[in-house]
Amino acid sequence: MVGGGHNGLVAAAYLARSGLSTVVCERRGVVGGRGGERAPVRPDFTVTSLSYVVSLLPADLVHDLQLTRHGYHVYPQGPYFAPRADGRYLRLPARPGGTAPGDQ
């Protein structure tokens, strides 16, 4: 296996799970690809620049690789409000099926 990005890690995990001897080679000092990069939020706090992508993992992948056993957990975020210069916006509720504050 070449590359320790999130896609390479998933592929390697499935190959190893099927019984194949698997090696992951990554030239950088950290695995995870873009999901492993750190961005400063303030001097004493960093987050991965694409951490939201992890919350998009398919449920069958999370189950197959037993990711919750290894500490995987999605903390729901919201509500979201993303305005655009043309006046349109995206507004999402704080919880699925809920309404955003101020919705009637």
C-alpha atoms as a PDB file:
ATOM      1  CA  MET A   1       0.000   0.000   0.000  1.00  0.00           C
ATOM      2  CA  VAL A   2       1.387   3.405  -0.870  1.00  0.00           C
ATOM      3  CA  GLY A   3       0.173   6.518   0.881  1.00  0.00           C
ATOM      4  CA  GLY A   4      -1.089   7.025   4.393  1.00  0.00           C
ATOM      5  CA  GLY A   5      -3.940   9.375   3.555  1.00  0.00           C
ATOM      6  CA  HIS A   6      -7.455   8.534   4.715  1.00  0.00           C
ATOM      7  CA  ASN A   7      -8.229   6.585   1.520  1.00  0.00           C
ATOM      8  CA  GLY A   8      -4.996   4.591   1.738  1.00  0.00           C
ATOM      9  CA  LEU A   9      -5.585   3.836   5.409  1.00  0.00           C
ATOM     10  CA  VAL A  10      -9.101   2.567   4.709  1.00  0.00           C
ATOM     11  CA  ALA A  11      -7.884   0.422   1.808  1.00  0.00           C
ATOM     12  CA  ALA A  12      -5.049  -0.983   3.948  1.00  0.00           C
ATOM     13  CA  ALA A  13      -7.462  -1.751   6.788  1.00  0.00           C
ATOM     14  CA  TYR A  14      -9.790  -3.683   4.479  1.00  0.00           C
ATOM     15  CA  LEU A  15      -6.862  -5.584   2.917  1.00  0.00           C
ATOM     16  CA  ALA A  16      -5.486  -6.470   6.371  1.00  0.00           C
ATOM     17  CA  ARG A  17      -8.958  -7.432   7.548  1.00  0.00           C
ATOM     18  CA  SER A  18      -9.205  -9.887   4.647  1.00  0.00           C
ATOM     19  CA  GLY A  19      -6.007 -11.563   5.864  1.00  0.00           C
ATOM     20  CA  LEU A  20      -3.426  -9.967   3.565  1.00  0.00           C
ATOM     21  CA  SER A  21      -0.119  -8.725   4.924  1.00  0.00           C
ATOM     22  CA  THR A  22      -0.319  -4.946   4.499  1.00  0.00           C
ATOM     23  CA  VAL A  23       2.250  -2.153   4.693  1.00  0.00           C
ATOM     24  CA  VAL A  24       1.413   1.565   4.574  1.00  0.00           C
ATOM     25  CA  CYS A  25       4.183   3.884   3.396  1.00  0.00           C
ATOM     26  CA  GLU A  26       3.849   7.622   3.969  1.00  0.00           C
ATOM     27  CA  ARG A  27       6.589  10.151   3.165  1.00  0.00           C
ATOM     28  CA  ARG A  28       5.318  12.692   5.685  1.00  0.00           C
ATOM     29  CA  GLY A  29       5.766  12.330   9.425  1.00  0.00           C
ATOM     30  CA  VAL A  30       2.002  12.049   9.986  1.00  0.00           C
ATOM     31  CA  VAL A  31      -0.632   9.775   8.465  1.00  0.00           C
ATOM     32  CA  GLY A  32      -4.181  10.762   7.582  1.00  0.00           C
ATOM     33  CA  GLY A  33      -3.568  12.918   4.515  1.00  0.00           C
ATOM     34  CA  ARG A  34      -5.419  16.217   4.612  1.00  0.00           C
ATOM     35  CA  GLY A  35      -7.418  14.937   7.573  1.00  0.00           C
ATOM     36  CA  GLY A  36      -4.202  14.679   9.597  1.00  0.00           C
ATOM     37  CA  GLU A  37      -3.131  18.268   9.041  1.00  0.00           C
ATOM     38  CA  ARG A  38      -3.455  20.664  11.942  1.00  0.00           C
ATOM     39  CA  ALA A  39      -4.709  24.232  11.742  1.00  0.00           C
ATOM     40  CA  PRO A  40      -4.374  26.680  14.642  1.00  0.00           C
ATOM     41  CA  VAL A  41      -7.638  28.065  16.002  1.00  0.00           C
ATOM     42  CA  ARG A  42      -5.869  30.004  18.725  1.00  0.00           C
ATOM     43  CA  PRO A  43      -2.374  29.718  20.194  1.00  0.00           C
ATOM     44  CA  ASP A  44      -3.248  26.836  22.524  1.00  0.00           C
ATOM     45  CA  PHE A  45      -5.758  24.952  20.333  1.00  0.00           C
ATOM     46  CA  THR A  46      -5.549  23.235  16.926  1.00  0.00           C
ATOM     47  CA  VAL A  47      -7.967  21.156  14.883  1.00  0.00           C
ATOM     48  CA  THR A  48      -7.550  19.095  11.750  1.00  0.00           C
ATOM     49  CA  SER A  49      -8.250  21.250   8.716  1.00  0.00           C
ATOM     50  CA  LEU A  50     -10.741  18.720   7.336  1.00  0.00           C
ATOM     51  CA  SER A  51     -12.043  17.206  10.556  1.00  0.00           C
ATOM     52  CA  TYR A  52     -15.640  17.591   9.393  1.00  0.00           C
ATOM     53  CA  VAL A  53     -14.931  15.039   6.629  1.00  0.00           C
ATOM     54  CA  VAL A  54     -14.523  12.328   9.260  1.00  0.00           C
ATOM     55  CA  SER A  55     -18.164  12.822  10.244  1.00  0.00           C
ATOM     56  CA  LEU A  56     -19.117  11.860   6.674  1.00  0.00           C
ATOM     57  CA  LEU A  57     -17.703   8.332   6.892  1.00  0.00           C
ATOM     58  CA  PRO A  58     -20.292   5.786   5.752  1.00  0.00           C
ATOM     59  CA  ALA A  59     -21.897   3.906   8.635  1.00  0.00           C
ATOM     60  CA  ASP A  60     -20.947   0.535   7.121  1.00  0.00           C
ATOM     61  CA  LEU A  61     -17.278   1.564   7.032  1.00  0.00           C
ATOM     62  CA  VAL A  62     -17.433   2.689  10.679  1.00  0.00           C
ATOM     63  CA  HIS A  63     -19.028  -0.653  11.572  1.00  0.00           C
ATOM     64  CA  ASP A  64     -16.755  -2.837   9.385  1.00  0.00           C
ATOM     65  CA  LEU A  65     -13.561  -1.369  10.801  1.00  0.00           C
ATOM     66  CA  GLN A  66     -14.922  -1.151  14.366  1.00  0.00           C
ATOM     67  CA  LEU A  67     -13.920   2.494  14.523  1.00  0.00           C
ATOM     68  CA  THR A  68     -15.993   3.238  17.645  1.00  0.00           C
ATOM     69  CA  ARG A  69     -13.914   0.627  19.470  1.00  0.00           C
ATOM     70  CA  HIS A  70     -10.877   2.713  18.544  1.00  0.00           C
ATOM     71  CA  GLY A  71     -12.342   6.009  19.767  1.00  0.00           C
ATOM     72  CA  TYR A  72     -14.279   7.247  16.732  1.00  0.00           C
ATOM     73  CA  HIS A  73     -17.205   9.442  17.713  1.00  0.00           C
ATOM     74  CA  VAL A  74     -18.963  12.250  15.867  1.00  0.00           C
ATOM     75  CA  TYR A  75     -19.992  15.208  17.973  1.00  0.00           C
ATOM     76  CA  PRO A  76     -22.919  16.853  16.156  1.00  0.00           C
ATOM     77  CA  GLN A  77     -22.402  20.540  15.534  1.00  0.00           C
ATOM     78  CA  GLY A  78     -24.785  23.315  14.627  1.00  0.00           C
ATOM     79  CA  PRO A  79     -26.758  25.283  13.991  1.00  0.00           C
ATOM     80  CA  TYR A  80     -25.041  26.576  10.857  1.00  0.00           C
ATOM     81  CA  PHE A  81     -25.610  29.791   8.974  1.00  0.00           C
ATOM     82  CA  ALA A  82     -23.478  30.407   5.888  1.00  0.00           C
ATOM     83  CA  PRO A  83     -24.325  33.655   4.066  1.00  0.00           C
ATOM     84  CA  ARG A  84     -23.323  34.328   0.454  1.00  0.00           C
ATOM     85  CA  ALA A  85     -22.452  37.646  -1.163  1.00  0.00           C
ATOM     86  CA  ASP A  86     -25.505  37.421  -3.444  1.00  0.00           C
ATOM     87  CA  GLY A  87     -27.889  37.323  -0.462  1.00  0.00           C
ATOM     88  CA  ARG A  88     -28.580  33.586  -0.525  1.00  0.00           C
ATOM     89  CA  TYR A  89     -27.644  31.505   2.505  1.00  0.00           C
ATOM     90  CA  LEU A  90     -27.523  28.008   3.929  1.00  0.00           C
ATOM     91  CA  ARG A  91     -29.088  27.504   7.344  1.00  0.00           C
ATOM     92  CA  LEU A  92     -29.074  24.136   9.091  1.00  0.00           C
ATOM     93  CA  PRO A  93     -30.747  23.241  12.388  1.00  0.00           C
ATOM     94  CA  ALA A  94     -28.876  22.336  15.549  1.00  0.00           C
ATOM     95  CA  ARG A  95     -30.160  18.757  15.337  1.00  0.00           C
ATOM     96  CA  PRO A  96     -31.371  16.574  12.468  1.00  0.00           C
ATOM     97  CA  GLY A  97     -35.095  16.981  11.934  1.00  0.00           C
ATOM     98  CA  GLY A  98     -35.136  20.072  14.119  1.00  0.00           C
ATOM     99  CA  THR A  99     -35.538  23.674  13.177  1.00  0.00           C
ATOM    100  CA  ALA A 100     -33.068  26.485  13.351  1.00  0.00           C
ATOM    101  CA  PRO A 101     -33.688  29.151  16.015  1.00  0.00           C
ATOM    102  CA  GLY A 102     -36.271  31.635  14.774  1.00  0.00           C
ATOM    103  CA  ASP A 103     -37.938  29.199  12.342  1.00  0.00           C
ATOM    104  CA  GLN A 104     -41.698  29.189  12.574  1.00  0.00           C
END
